[in-house]
Amino acid sequence: MTSMVVTRANVRAPDAAQGVKPLAASAPRGTTKPPYPAEFRREAVRLVRDGRAAVAQVARDLGISQDTLRAWVKQAAVDGGRREGLTTEERQELVQLRREVKRLEEEREILKKAAAFFAAESATR
């Protein structure tokens, strides 16, 4: 059995078919790149966990930031139940719930203003 080393070259980048829009060639400063494919992240974490190389070496070999790789390893430990914290699914749910709360608060403010408007209208009649 051969072990394949995952690099950017042999892992297909996300594309429009996966719902990720590619960045323009001359993207403005401050824009982020599309997320790395899940397979790429899993393989990078596996390389670190196997202990064959240090985080710094794996990150250098894959052309990614050490901080990014450390975050992936930490999140994988949380998802695997080996570390305390929010799992990926819990984080996604939290983001969704915060968006919903924000939307509901905005709707409530609109309704308050509408109620005040109509109360003022009926008071003048």
PDB file of N, CA and C in Angstrom:
ATOM      1  N   MET A   1       0.849  -1.181   0.000  1.00  0.00           N
ATOM      2  CA  MET A   1       0.000   0.000   0.000  1.00  0.00           C
ATOM      3  C   MET A   1       0.891   1.241   0.000  1.00  0.00           C
ATOM      4  N   THR A   2       0.615   2.145  -0.914  1.00  0.00           N
ATOM      5  CA  THR A   2       1.414   3.361  -0.995  1.00  0.00           C
ATOM      6  C   THR A   2       0.679   4.495  -0.299  1.00  0.00           C
ATOM      7  N   SER A   3       1.440   5.391   0.266  1.00  0.00           N
ATOM      8  CA  SER A   3       0.865   6.542   0.947  1.00  0.00           C
ATOM      9  C   SER A   3       1.053   7.760   0.058  1.00  0.00           C
ATOM     10  N   MET A   4      -0.036   8.435  -0.257  1.00  0.00           N
ATOM     11  CA  MET A   4       0.030   9.601  -1.115  1.00  0.00           C
ATOM     12  C   MET A   4       0.142  10.853  -0.250  1.00  0.00           C
ATOM     13  N   VAL A   5       1.065  11.694  -0.569  1.00  0.00           N
ATOM     14  CA  VAL A   5       1.208  12.968   0.125  1.00  0.00           C
ATOM     15  C   VAL A   5       0.305  13.971  -0.587  1.00  0.00           C
ATOM     16  N   VAL A   6      -0.535  14.623   0.188  1.00  0.00           N
ATOM     17  CA  VAL A   6      -1.469  15.581  -0.373  1.00  0.00           C
ATOM     18  C   VAL A   6      -0.768  16.920  -0.521  1.00  0.00           C
ATOM     19  N   THR A   7      -0.836  17.464  -1.708  1.00  0.00           N
ATOM     20  CA  THR A   7      -0.324  18.805  -1.966  1.00  0.00           C
ATOM     21  C   THR A   7      -1.402  19.587  -2.671  1.00  0.00           C
ATOM     22  N   ARG A   8      -1.188  20.859  -2.813  1.00  0.00           N
ATOM     23  CA  ARG A   8      -2.166  21.665  -3.544  1.00  0.00           C
ATOM     24  C   ARG A   8      -2.308  21.180  -4.986  1.00  0.00           C
ATOM     25  N   ALA A   9      -1.225  20.650  -5.530  1.00  0.00           N
ATOM     26  CA  ALA A   9      -1.237  20.238  -6.932  1.00  0.00           C
ATOM     27  C   ALA A   9      -2.130  19.018  -7.173  1.00  0.00           C
ATOM     28  N   ASN A  10      -2.182  18.087  -6.220  1.00  0.00           N
ATOM     29  CA  ASN A  10      -2.951  16.872  -6.495  1.00  0.00           C
ATOM     30  C   ASN A  10      -4.302  16.827  -5.791  1.00  0.00           C
ATOM     31  N   VAL A  11      -4.729  17.918  -5.168  1.00  0.00           N
ATOM     32  CA  VAL A  11      -6.073  18.006  -4.622  1.00  0.00           C
ATOM     33  C   VAL A  11      -6.789  19.080  -5.413  1.00  0.00           C
ATOM     34  N   ARG A  12      -7.910  18.703  -5.975  1.00  0.00           N
ATOM     35  CA  ARG A  12      -8.672  19.619  -6.793  1.00  0.00           C
ATOM     36  C   ARG A  12      -9.227  20.753  -5.940  1.00  0.00           C
ATOM     37  N   ALA A  13      -9.015  21.962  -6.376  1.00  0.00           N
ATOM     38  CA  ALA A  13      -9.507  23.133  -5.649  1.00  0.00           C
ATOM     39  C   ALA A  13     -11.015  23.238  -5.795  1.00  0.00           C
ATOM     40  N   PRO A  14     -11.694  23.875  -4.837  1.00  0.00           N
ATOM     41  CA  PRO A  14     -13.131  24.073  -4.954  1.00  0.00           C
ATOM     42  C   PRO A  14     -13.439  24.893  -6.199  1.00  0.00           C
ATOM     43  N   ASP A  15     -14.548  24.592  -6.839  1.00  0.00           N
ATOM     44  CA  ASP A  15     -14.919  25.349  -8.024  1.00  0.00           C
ATOM     45  C   ASP A  15     -16.392  25.716  -7.953  1.00  0.00           C
ATOM     46  N   ALA A  16     -16.874  26.330  -9.006  1.00  0.00           N
ATOM     47  CA  ALA A  16     -18.254  26.800  -9.038  1.00  0.00           C
ATOM     48  C   ALA A  16     -19.245  25.655  -8.872  1.00  0.00           C
ATOM     49  N   ALA A  17     -18.911  24.450  -9.351  1.00  0.00           N
ATOM     50  CA  ALA A  17     -19.801  23.312  -9.215  1.00  0.00           C
ATOM     51  C   ALA A  17     -20.003  22.944  -7.747  1.00  0.00           C
ATOM     52  N   GLN A  18     -19.044  23.274  -6.898  1.00  0.00           N
ATOM     53  CA  GLN A  18     -19.149  23.003  -5.474  1.00  0.00           C
ATOM     54  C   GLN A  18     -19.721  24.207  -4.734  1.00  0.00           C
ATOM     55  N   GLY A  19     -20.141  25.227  -5.445  1.00  0.00           N
ATOM     56  CA  GLY A  19     -20.739  26.397  -4.825  1.00  0.00           C
ATOM     57  C   GLY A  19     -19.741  27.441  -4.368  1.00  0.00           C
ATOM     58  N   VAL A  20     -18.496  27.344  -4.811  1.00  0.00           N
ATOM     59  CA  VAL A  20     -17.468  28.319  -4.436  1.00  0.00           C
ATOM     60  C   VAL A  20     -17.066  29.076  -5.686  1.00  0.00           C
ATOM     61  N   LYS A  21     -17.197  30.393  -5.626  1.00  0.00           N
ATOM     62  CA  LYS A  21     -16.825  31.206  -6.774  1.00  0.00           C
ATOM     63  C   LYS A  21     -15.317  31.417  -6.780  1.00  0.00           C
ATOM     64  N   PRO A  22     -14.656  31.224  -7.926  1.00  0.00           N
ATOM     65  CA  PRO A  22     -13.215  31.474  -7.985  1.00  0.00           C
ATOM     66  C   PRO A  22     -12.938  32.972  -7.888  1.00  0.00           C
ATOM     67  N   LEU A  23     -11.800  33.311  -7.300  1.00  0.00           N
ATOM     68  CA  LEU A  23     -11.405  34.716  -7.204  1.00  0.00           C
ATOM     69  C   LEU A  23     -10.858  35.197  -8.535  1.00  0.00           C
ATOM     70  N   ALA A  24     -11.032  36.457  -8.800  1.00  0.00           N
ATOM     71  CA  ALA A  24     -10.468  37.046 -10.012  1.00  0.00           C
ATOM     72  C   ALA A  24      -8.948  37.036  -9.906  1.00  0.00           C
ATOM     73  N   ALA A  25      -8.285  37.054 -11.047  1.00  0.00           N
ATOM     74  CA  ALA A  25      -6.825  37.015 -11.056  1.00  0.00           C
ATOM     75  C   ALA A  25      -6.229  38.189 -10.299  1.00  0.00           C
ATOM     76  N   SER A  26      -6.873  39.336 -10.389  1.00  0.00           N
ATOM     77  CA  SER A  26      -6.366  40.506  -9.681  1.00  0.00           C
ATOM     78  C   SER A  26      -7.342  40.878  -8.563  1.00  0.00           C
ATOM     79  N   ALA A  27      -7.504  39.968  -7.618  1.00  0.00           N
ATOM     80  CA  ALA A  27      -8.431  40.197  -6.513  1.00  0.00           C
ATOM     81  C   ALA A  27      -7.936  41.350  -5.647  1.00  0.00           C
ATOM     82  N   PRO A  28      -8.858  42.182  -5.181  1.00  0.00           N
ATOM     83  CA  PRO A  28      -8.454  43.295  -4.332  1.00  0.00           C
ATOM     84  C   PRO A  28      -7.850  42.802  -3.024  1.00  0.00           C
ATOM     85  N   ARG A  29      -7.025  43.636  -2.433  1.00  0.00           N
ATOM     86  CA  ARG A  29      -6.398  43.276  -1.153  1.00  0.00           C
ATOM     87  C   ARG A  29      -7.472  43.051  -0.103  1.00  0.00           C
ATOM     88  N   GLY A  30      -7.179  42.122   0.797  1.00  0.00           N
ATOM     89  CA  GLY A  30      -8.096  41.866   1.887  1.00  0.00           C
ATOM     90  C   GLY A  30      -9.117  40.785   1.590  1.00  0.00           C
ATOM     91  N   THR A  31      -9.193  40.337   0.340  1.00  0.00           N
ATOM     92  CA  THR A  31     -10.134  39.269   0.028  1.00  0.00           C
ATOM     93  C   THR A  31      -9.506  37.940   0.423  1.00  0.00           C
ATOM     94  N   THR A  32     -10.343  36.998   0.778  1.00  0.00           N
ATOM     95  CA  THR A  32      -9.833  35.695   1.192  1.00  0.00           C
ATOM     96  C   THR A  32      -9.960  34.700   0.051  1.00  0.00           C
ATOM     97  N   LYS A  33      -9.136  33.673   0.133  1.00  0.00           N
ATOM     98  CA  LYS A  33      -9.197  32.612  -0.859  1.00  0.00           C
ATOM     99  C   LYS A  33     -10.337  31.668  -0.490  1.00  0.00           C
ATOM    100  N   PRO A  34     -10.819  30.908  -1.453  1.00  0.00           N
ATOM    101  CA  PRO A  34     -11.842  29.918  -1.119  1.00  0.00           C
ATOM    102  C   PRO A  34     -11.260  28.915  -0.110  1.00  0.00           C
ATOM    103  N   PRO A  35     -12.112  28.290   0.684  1.00  0.00           N
ATOM    104  CA  PRO A  35     -11.593  27.344   1.681  1.00  0.00           C
ATOM    105  C   PRO A  35     -10.906  26.159   1.017  1.00  0.00           C
ATOM    106  N   TYR A  36      -9.960  25.589   1.751  1.00  0.00           N
ATOM    107  CA  TYR A  36      -9.285  24.399   1.247  1.00  0.00           C
ATOM    108  C   TYR A  36     -10.276  23.240   1.240  1.00  0.00           C
ATOM    109  N   PRO A  37     -10.143  22.313   0.306  1.00  0.00           N
ATOM    110  CA  PRO A  37     -11.048  21.162   0.278  1.00  0.00           C
ATOM    111  C   PRO A  37     -10.919  20.349   1.574  1.00  0.00           C
ATOM    112  N   ALA A  38     -12.017  19.755   1.996  1.00  0.00           N
ATOM    113  CA  ALA A  38     -12.036  18.970   3.238  1.00  0.00           C
ATOM    114  C   ALA A  38     -11.015  17.834   3.188  1.00  0.00           C
ATOM    115  N   GLU A  39     -10.863  17.211   2.042  1.00  0.00           N
ATOM    116  CA  GLU A  39      -9.900  16.112   1.900  1.00  0.00           C
ATOM    117  C   GLU A  39      -8.472  16.596   2.170  1.00  0.00           C
ATOM    118  N   PHE A  40      -8.152  17.762   1.661  1.00  0.00           N
ATOM    119  CA  PHE A  40      -6.829  18.353   1.867  1.00  0.00           C
ATOM    120  C   PHE A  40      -6.587  18.606   3.356  1.00  0.00           C
ATOM    121  N   ARG A  41      -7.596  19.191   4.034  1.00  0.00           N
ATOM    122  CA  ARG A  41      -7.470  19.475   5.464  1.00  0.00           C
ATOM    123  C   ARG A  41      -7.314  18.188   6.274  1.00  0.00           C
ATOM    124  N   ARG A  42      -8.144  17.184   5.960  1.00  0.00           N
ATOM    125  CA  ARG A  42      -8.050  15.902   6.692  1.00  0.00           C
ATOM    126  C   ARG A  42      -6.678  15.275   6.539  1.00  0.00           C
ATOM    127  N   GLU A  43      -6.148  15.289   5.323  1.00  0.00           N
ATOM    128  CA  GLU A  43      -4.840  14.677   5.077  1.00  0.00           C
ATOM    129  C   GLU A  43      -3.734  15.456   5.796  1.00  0.00           C
ATOM    130  N   ALA A  44      -3.823  16.769   5.809  1.00  0.00           N
ATOM    131  CA  ALA A  44      -2.823  17.586   6.513  1.00  0.00           C
ATOM    132  C   ALA A  44      -2.849  17.277   8.006  1.00  0.00           C
ATOM    133  N   VAL A  45      -4.042  17.170   8.581  1.00  0.00           N
ATOM    134  CA  VAL A  45      -4.174  16.844  10.006  1.00  0.00           C
ATOM    135  C   VAL A  45      -3.616  15.451  10.269  1.00  0.00           C
ATOM    136  N   ARG A  46      -3.891  14.505   9.387  1.00  0.00           N
ATOM    137  CA  ARG A  46      -3.400  13.143   9.555  1.00  0.00           C
ATOM    138  C   ARG A  46      -1.870  13.113   9.554  1.00  0.00           C
ATOM    139  N   LEU A  47      -1.266  13.889   8.678  1.00  0.00           N
ATOM    140  CA  LEU A  47       0.199  13.943   8.630  1.00  0.00           C
ATOM    141  C   LEU A  47       0.785  14.453   9.946  1.00  0.00           C
ATOM    142  N   VAL A  48       0.136  15.443  10.548  1.00  0.00           N
ATOM    143  CA  VAL A  48       0.614  15.979  11.821  1.00  0.00           C
ATOM    144  C   VAL A  48       0.392  14.958  12.932  1.00  0.00           C
ATOM    145  N   ARG A  49      -0.786  14.347  12.959  1.00  0.00           N
ATOM    146  CA  ARG A  49      -1.113  13.379  14.013  1.00  0.00           C
ATOM    147  C   ARG A  49      -0.225  12.142  13.960  1.00  0.00           C
ATOM    148  N   ASP A  50       0.124  11.707  12.761  1.00  0.00           N
ATOM    149  CA  ASP A  50       0.974  10.520  12.629  1.00  0.00           C
ATOM    150  C   ASP A  50       2.357  10.751  13.226  1.00  0.00           C
ATOM    151  N   GLY A  51       2.707  12.008  13.416  1.00  0.00           N
ATOM    152  CA  GLY A  51       3.981  12.340  14.044  1.00  0.00           C
ATOM    153  C   GLY A  51       5.176  12.186  13.131  1.00  0.00           C
ATOM    154  N   ARG A  52       4.952  12.023  11.855  1.00  0.00           N
ATOM    155  CA  ARG A  52       6.065  11.878  10.911  1.00  0.00           C
ATOM    156  C   ARG A  52       6.832  13.180  10.737  1.00  0.00           C
ATOM    157  N   ALA A  53       6.110  14.295  10.926  1.00  0.00           N
ATOM    158  CA  ALA A  53       6.755  15.600  10.762  1.00  0.00           C
ATOM    159  C   ALA A  53       6.079  16.603  11.684  1.00  0.00           C
ATOM    160  N   ALA A  54       6.804  17.634  12.016  1.00  0.00           N
ATOM    161  CA  ALA A  54       6.273  18.691  12.878  1.00  0.00           C
ATOM    162  C   ALA A  54       5.292  19.553  12.086  1.00  0.00           C
ATOM    163  N   VAL A  55       4.477  20.283  12.820  1.00  0.00           N
ATOM    164  CA  VAL A  55       3.490  21.163  12.197  1.00  0.00           C
ATOM    165  C   VAL A  55       4.175  22.106  11.213  1.00  0.00           C
ATOM    166  N   ALA A  56       5.298  22.673  11.630  1.00  0.00           N
ATOM    167  CA  ALA A  56       6.004  23.631  10.770  1.00  0.00           C
ATOM    168  C   ALA A  56       6.421  22.988   9.444  1.00  0.00           C
ATOM    169  N   GLN A  57       6.925  21.765   9.508  1.00  0.00           N
ATOM    170  CA  GLN A  57       7.380  21.087   8.293  1.00  0.00           C
ATOM    171  C   GLN A  57       6.209  20.732   7.385  1.00  0.00           C
ATOM    172  N   VAL A  58       5.144  20.196   7.963  1.00  0.00           N
ATOM    173  CA  VAL A  58       3.965  19.841   7.156  1.00  0.00           C
ATOM    174  C   VAL A  58       3.393  21.090   6.505  1.00  0.00           C
ATOM    175  N   ALA A  59       3.282  22.171   7.269  1.00  0.00           N
ATOM    176  CA  ALA A  59       2.749  23.423   6.725  1.00  0.00           C
ATOM    177  C   ALA A  59       3.615  23.923   5.578  1.00  0.00           C
ATOM    178  N   ARG A  60       4.926  23.878   5.773  1.00  0.00           N
ATOM    179  CA  ARG A  60       5.851  24.325   4.724  1.00  0.00           C
ATOM    180  C   ARG A  60       5.702  23.450   3.478  1.00  0.00           C
ATOM    181  N   ASP A  61       5.625  22.121   3.659  1.00  0.00           N
ATOM    182  CA  ASP A  61       5.497  21.195   2.531  1.00  0.00           C
ATOM    183  C   ASP A  61       4.208  21.415   1.749  1.00  0.00           C
ATOM    184  N   LEU A  62       3.140  21.758   2.463  1.00  0.00           N
ATOM    185  CA  LEU A  62       1.837  21.934   1.807  1.00  0.00           C
ATOM    186  C   LEU A  62       1.598  23.364   1.341  1.00  0.00           C
ATOM    187  N   GLY A  63       2.469  24.268   1.742  1.00  0.00           N
ATOM    188  CA  GLY A  63       2.326  25.658   1.317  1.00  0.00           C
ATOM    189  C   GLY A  63       1.205  26.389   2.029  1.00  0.00           C
ATOM    190  N   ILE A  64       0.989  26.039   3.297  1.00  0.00           N
ATOM    191  CA  ILE A  64      -0.047  26.714   4.077  1.00  0.00           C
ATOM    192  C   ILE A  64       0.586  27.306   5.328  1.00  0.00           C
ATOM    193  N   SER A  65      -0.148  28.149   5.994  1.00  0.00           N
ATOM    194  CA  SER A  65       0.334  28.791   7.215  1.00  0.00           C
ATOM    195  C   SER A  65       0.349  27.796   8.376  1.00  0.00           C
ATOM    196  N   GLN A  66       1.334  27.936   9.248  1.00  0.00           N
ATOM    197  CA  GLN A  66       1.400  27.088  10.442  1.00  0.00           C
ATOM    198  C   GLN A  66       0.182  27.301  11.327  1.00  0.00           C
ATOM    199  N   ASP A  67      -0.253  28.551  11.429  1.00  0.00           N
ATOM    200  CA  ASP A  67      -1.426  28.855  12.255  1.00  0.00           C
ATOM    201  C   ASP A  67      -2.677  28.183  11.712  1.00  0.00           C
ATOM    202  N   THR A  68      -2.807  28.169  10.391  1.00  0.00           N
ATOM    203  CA  THR A  68      -3.945  27.505   9.769  1.00  0.00           C
ATOM    204  C   THR A  68      -3.928  26.020  10.089  1.00  0.00           C
ATOM    205  N   LEU A  69      -2.775  25.398   9.930  1.00  0.00           N
ATOM    206  CA  LEU A  69      -2.664  23.962  10.195  1.00  0.00           C
ATOM    207  C   LEU A  69      -2.921  23.665  11.667  1.00  0.00           C
ATOM    208  N   ARG A  70      -2.387  24.489  12.570  1.00  0.00           N
ATOM    209  CA  ARG A  70      -2.650  24.273  14.001  1.00  0.00           C
ATOM    210  C   ARG A  70      -4.142  24.364  14.302  1.00  0.00           C
ATOM    211  N   ALA A  71      -4.824  25.315  13.678  1.00  0.00           N
ATOM    212  CA  ALA A  71      -6.278  25.463  13.887  1.00  0.00           C
ATOM    213  C   ALA A  71      -7.012  24.224  13.397  1.00  0.00           C
ATOM    214  N   TRP A  72      -6.592  23.675  12.246  1.00  0.00           N
ATOM    215  CA  TRP A  72      -7.230  22.458  11.723  1.00  0.00           C
ATOM    216  C   TRP A  72      -7.037  21.289  12.678  1.00  0.00           C
ATOM    217  N   VAL A  73      -5.822  21.155  13.212  1.00  0.00           N
ATOM    218  CA  VAL A  73      -5.519  20.056  14.140  1.00  0.00           C
ATOM    219  C   VAL A  73      -6.351  20.212  15.409  1.00  0.00           C
ATOM    220  N   LYS A  74      -6.427  21.430  15.920  1.00  0.00           N
ATOM    221  CA  LYS A  74      -7.211  21.697  17.123  1.00  0.00           C
ATOM    222  C   LYS A  74      -8.686  21.386  16.888  1.00  0.00           C
ATOM    223  N   GLN A  75      -9.240  21.838  15.761  1.00  0.00           N
ATOM    224  CA  GLN A  75     -10.652  21.598  15.465  1.00  0.00           C
ATOM    225  C   GLN A  75     -10.918  20.109  15.266  1.00  0.00           C
ATOM    226  N   ALA A  76      -9.982  19.394  14.663  1.00  0.00           N
ATOM    227  CA  ALA A  76     -10.147  17.952  14.486  1.00  0.00           C
ATOM    228  C   ALA A  76     -10.184  17.245  15.840  1.00  0.00           C
ATOM    229  N   ALA A  77      -9.387  17.725  16.792  1.00  0.00           N
ATOM    230  CA  ALA A  77      -9.393  17.145  18.136  1.00  0.00           C
ATOM    231  C   ALA A  77     -10.727  17.414  18.833  1.00  0.00           C
ATOM    232  N   VAL A  78     -11.286  18.598  18.641  1.00  0.00           N
ATOM    233  CA  VAL A  78     -12.591  18.933  19.216  1.00  0.00           C
ATOM    234  C   VAL A  78     -13.660  18.057  18.578  1.00  0.00           C
ATOM    235  N   ASP A  79     -13.640  17.965  17.255  1.00  0.00           N
ATOM    236  CA  ASP A  79     -14.635  17.149  16.544  1.00  0.00           C
ATOM    237  C   ASP A  79     -14.539  15.682  16.938  1.00  0.00           C
ATOM    238  N   GLY A  80     -13.330  15.227  17.249  1.00  0.00           N
ATOM    239  CA  GLY A  80     -13.127  13.832  17.634  1.00  0.00           C
ATOM    240  C   GLY A  80     -13.382  13.567  19.109  1.00  0.00           C
ATOM    241  N   GLY A  81     -13.735  14.596  19.876  1.00  0.00           N
ATOM    242  CA  GLY A  81     -14.035  14.430  21.281  1.00  0.00           C
ATOM    243  C   GLY A  81     -12.808  14.335  22.173  1.00  0.00           C
ATOM    244  N   ARG A  82     -11.643  14.650  21.640  1.00  0.00           N
ATOM    245  CA  ARG A  82     -10.406  14.584  22.422  1.00  0.00           C
ATOM    246  C   ARG A  82     -10.056  15.919  23.068  1.00  0.00           C
ATOM    247  N   ARG A  83     -10.866  16.936  22.800  1.00  0.00           N
ATOM    248  CA  ARG A  83     -10.581  18.275  23.321  1.00  0.00           C
ATOM    249  C   ARG A  83     -11.907  19.003  23.519  1.00  0.00           C
ATOM    250  N   GLU A  84     -11.947  19.868  24.527  1.00  0.00           N
ATOM    251  CA  GLU A  84     -13.147  20.658  24.803  1.00  0.00           C
ATOM    252  C   GLU A  84     -13.302  21.764  23.762  1.00  0.00           C
ATOM    253  N   GLY A  85     -14.534  22.099  23.462  1.00  0.00           N
ATOM    254  CA  GLY A  85     -14.804  23.200  22.545  1.00  0.00           C
ATOM    255  C   GLY A  85     -16.012  22.906  21.691  1.00  0.00           C
ATOM    256  N   LEU A  86     -16.336  23.851  20.823  1.00  0.00           N
ATOM    257  CA  LEU A  86     -17.470  23.694  19.918  1.00  0.00           C
ATOM    258  C   LEU A  86     -17.059  22.871  18.712  1.00  0.00           C
ATOM    259  N   THR A  87     -17.863  21.863  18.391  1.00  0.00           N
ATOM    260  CA  THR A  87     -17.582  21.069  17.201  1.00  0.00           C
ATOM    261  C   THR A  87     -17.919  21.891  15.965  1.00  0.00           C
ATOM    262  N   THR A  88     -17.502  21.409  14.830  1.00  0.00           N
ATOM    263  CA  THR A  88     -17.776  22.109  13.576  1.00  0.00           C
ATOM    264  C   THR A  88     -19.277  22.284  13.373  1.00  0.00           C
ATOM    265  N   GLU A  89     -20.044  21.236  13.658  1.00  0.00           N
ATOM    266  CA  GLU A  89     -21.498  21.312  13.497  1.00  0.00           C
ATOM    267  C   GLU A  89     -22.099  22.335  14.454  1.00  0.00           C
ATOM    268  N   GLU A  90     -21.602  22.371  15.694  1.00  0.00           N
ATOM    269  CA  GLU A  90     -22.100  23.344  16.660  1.00  0.00           C
ATOM    270  C   GLU A  90     -21.752  24.768  16.230  1.00  0.00           C
ATOM    271  N   ARG A  91     -20.565  24.953  15.677  1.00  0.00           N
ATOM    272  CA  ARG A  91     -20.178  26.280  15.179  1.00  0.00           C
ATOM    273  C   ARG A  91     -21.098  26.722  14.044  1.00  0.00           C
ATOM    274  N   GLN A  92     -21.393  25.806  13.126  1.00  0.00           N
ATOM    275  CA  GLN A  92     -22.279  26.139  12.009  1.00  0.00           C
ATOM    276  C   GLN A  92     -23.675  26.482  12.515  1.00  0.00           C
ATOM    277  N   GLU A  93     -24.156  25.712  13.494  1.00  0.00           N
ATOM    278  CA  GLU A  93     -25.475  25.990  14.066  1.00  0.00           C
ATOM    279  C   GLU A  93     -25.482  27.342  14.765  1.00  0.00           C
ATOM    280  N   LEU A  94     -24.421  27.664  15.495  1.00  0.00           N
ATOM    281  CA  LEU A  94     -24.322  28.939  16.190  1.00  0.00           C
ATOM    282  C   LEU A  94     -24.373  30.102  15.201  1.00  0.00           C
ATOM    283  N   VAL A  95     -23.640  29.981  14.102  1.00  0.00           N
ATOM    284  CA  VAL A  95     -23.653  31.024  13.069  1.00  0.00           C
ATOM    285  C   VAL A  95     -25.064  31.192  12.513  1.00  0.00           C
ATOM    286  N   GLN A  96     -25.727  30.058  12.226  1.00  0.00           N
ATOM    287  CA  GLN A  96     -27.081  30.101  11.686  1.00  0.00           C
ATOM    288  C   GLN A  96     -28.041  30.751  12.685  1.00  0.00           C
ATOM    289  N   LEU A  97     -27.943  30.386  13.947  1.00  0.00           N
ATOM    290  CA  LEU A  97     -28.834  30.947  14.964  1.00  0.00           C
ATOM    291  C   LEU A  97     -28.584  32.439  15.161  1.00  0.00           C
ATOM    292  N   ARG A  98     -27.334  32.867  15.107  1.00  0.00           N
ATOM    293  CA  ARG A  98     -27.036  34.302  15.244  1.00  0.00           C
ATOM    294  C   ARG A  98     -27.628  35.083  14.076  1.00  0.00           C
ATOM    295  N   ARG A  99     -27.548  34.517  12.884  1.00  0.00           N
ATOM    296  CA  ARG A  99     -28.156  35.191  11.719  1.00  0.00           C
ATOM    297  C   ARG A  99     -29.662  35.306  11.907  1.00  0.00           C
ATOM    298  N   GLU A 100     -30.276  34.224  12.397  1.00  0.00           N
ATOM    299  CA  GLU A 100     -31.722  34.214  12.604  1.00  0.00           C
ATOM    300  C   GLU A 100     -32.123  35.244  13.661  1.00  0.00           C
ATOM    301  N   VAL A 101     -31.381  35.341  14.750  1.00  0.00           N
ATOM    302  CA  VAL A 101     -31.665  36.323  15.798  1.00  0.00           C
ATOM    303  C   VAL A 101     -31.567  37.729  15.225  1.00  0.00           C
ATOM    304  N   LYS A 102     -30.525  37.972  14.429  1.00  0.00           N
ATOM    305  CA  LYS A 102     -30.355  39.305  13.831  1.00  0.00           C
ATOM    306  C   LYS A 102     -31.535  39.640  12.922  1.00  0.00           C
ATOM    307  N   ARG A 103     -31.951  38.675  12.115  1.00  0.00           N
ATOM    308  CA  ARG A 103     -33.088  38.905  11.213  1.00  0.00           C
ATOM    309  C   ARG A 103     -34.354  39.191  12.008  1.00  0.00           C
ATOM    310  N   LEU A 104     -34.601  38.406  13.061  1.00  0.00           N
ATOM    311  CA  LEU A 104     -35.794  38.607  13.879  1.00  0.00           C
ATOM    312  C   LEU A 104     -35.769  39.953  14.603  1.00  0.00           C
ATOM    313  N   GLU A 105     -34.600  40.370  15.070  1.00  0.00           N
ATOM    314  CA  GLU A 105     -34.489  41.679  15.719  1.00  0.00           C
ATOM    315  C   GLU A 105     -34.787  42.801  14.734  1.00  0.00           C
ATOM    316  N   GLU A 106     -34.298  42.661  13.503  1.00  0.00           N
ATOM    317  CA  GLU A 106     -34.573  43.672  12.477  1.00  0.00           C
ATOM    318  C   GLU A 106     -36.064  43.718  12.161  1.00  0.00           C
ATOM    319  N   GLU A 107     -36.698  42.534  12.057  1.00  0.00           N
ATOM    320  CA  GLU A 107     -38.139  42.492  11.793  1.00  0.00           C
ATOM    321  C   GLU A 107     -38.920  43.150  12.935  1.00  0.00           C
ATOM    322  N   ARG A 108     -38.500  42.888  14.180  1.00  0.00           N
ATOM    323  CA  ARG A 108     -39.170  43.476  15.335  1.00  0.00           C
ATOM    324  C   ARG A 108     -39.071  44.997  15.291  1.00  0.00           C
ATOM    325  N   GLU A 109     -37.892  45.520  14.947  1.00  0.00           N
ATOM    326  CA  GLU A 109     -37.723  46.972  14.856  1.00  0.00           C
ATOM    327  C   GLU A 109     -38.627  47.559  13.775  1.00  0.00           C
ATOM    328  N   ILE A 110     -38.738  46.877  12.658  1.00  0.00           N
ATOM    329  CA  ILE A 110     -39.618  47.350  11.581  1.00  0.00           C
ATOM    330  C   ILE A 110     -41.062  47.374  12.057  1.00  0.00           C
ATOM    331  N   LEU A 111     -41.469  46.319  12.750  1.00  0.00           N
ATOM    332  CA  LEU A 111     -42.849  46.252  13.255  1.00  0.00           C
ATOM    333  C   LEU A 111     -43.115  47.335  14.299  1.00  0.00           C
ATOM    334  N   LYS A 112     -42.130  47.617  15.162  1.00  0.00           N
ATOM    335  CA  LYS A 112     -42.282  48.685  16.153  1.00  0.00           C
ATOM    336  C   LYS A 112     -42.505  50.019  15.456  1.00  0.00           C
ATOM    337  N   LYS A 113     -41.690  50.295  14.445  1.00  0.00           N
ATOM    338  CA  LYS A 113     -41.811  51.564  13.720  1.00  0.00           C
ATOM    339  C   LYS A 113     -43.141  51.640  12.984  1.00  0.00           C
ATOM    340  N   ALA A 114     -43.571  50.525  12.415  1.00  0.00           N
ATOM    341  CA  ALA A 114     -44.861  50.508  11.710  1.00  0.00           C
ATOM    342  C   ALA A 114     -45.997  50.736  12.692  1.00  0.00           C
ATOM    343  N   ALA A 115     -45.934  50.099  13.858  1.00  0.00           N
ATOM    344  CA  ALA A 115     -46.981  50.276  14.860  1.00  0.00           C
ATOM    345  C   ALA A 115     -47.032  51.729  15.316  1.00  0.00           C
ATOM    346  N   ALA A 116     -45.874  52.339  15.535  1.00  0.00           N
ATOM    347  CA  ALA A 116     -45.823  53.741  15.955  1.00  0.00           C
ATOM    348  C   ALA A 116     -46.380  54.643  14.861  1.00  0.00           C
ATOM    349  N   PHE A 117     -46.054  54.349  13.623  1.00  0.00           N
ATOM    350  CA  PHE A 117     -46.542  55.136  12.493  1.00  0.00           C
ATOM    351  C   PHE A 117     -48.065  55.078  12.417  1.00  0.00           C
ATOM    352  N   PHE A 118     -48.608  53.857  12.485  1.00  0.00           N
ATOM    353  CA  PHE A 118     -50.059  53.701  12.377  1.00  0.00           C
ATOM    354  C   PHE A 118     -50.793  54.257  13.604  1.00  0.00           C
ATOM    355  N   ALA A 119     -50.151  54.186  14.762  1.00  0.00           N
ATOM    356  CA  ALA A 119     -50.764  54.786  15.961  1.00  0.00           C
ATOM    357  C   ALA A 119     -50.826  56.304  15.800  1.00  0.00           C
ATOM    358  N   ALA A 120     -49.782  56.893  15.265  1.00  0.00           N
ATOM    359  CA  ALA A 120     -49.766  58.340  15.038  1.00  0.00           C
ATOM    360  C   ALA A 120     -50.784  58.716  13.961  1.00  0.00           C
ATOM    361  N   GLU A 121     -50.920  57.902  12.938  1.00  0.00           N
ATOM    362  CA  GLU A 121     -51.892  58.162  11.874  1.00  0.00           C
ATOM    363  C   GLU A 121     -53.311  58.124  12.416  1.00  0.00           C
ATOM    364  N   SER A 122     -53.608  57.105  13.244  1.00  0.00           N
ATOM    365  CA  SER A 122     -54.983  56.979  13.762  1.00  0.00           C
ATOM    366  C   SER A 122     -55.277  58.061  14.803  1.00  0.00           C
ATOM    367  N   ALA A 123     -54.259  58.585  15.473  1.00  0.00           N
ATOM    368  CA  ALA A 123     -54.457  59.634  16.464  1.00  0.00           C
ATOM    369  C   ALA A 123     -54.796  60.959  15.796  1.00  0.00           C
ATOM    370  N   THR A 124     -54.345  61.167  14.563  1.00  0.00           N
ATOM    371  CA  THR A 124     -54.595  62.426  13.868  1.00  0.00           C
ATOM    372  C   THR A 124     -55.945  62.418  13.163  1.00  0.00           C
ATOM    373  N   ARG A 125     -56.653  61.318  13.124  1.00  0.00           N
ATOM    374  CA  ARG A 125     -57.945  61.247  12.430  1.00  0.00           C
ATOM    375  C   ARG A 125     -59.066  61.515  13.346  1.00  0.00           C
TER     376      ARG A 125
END
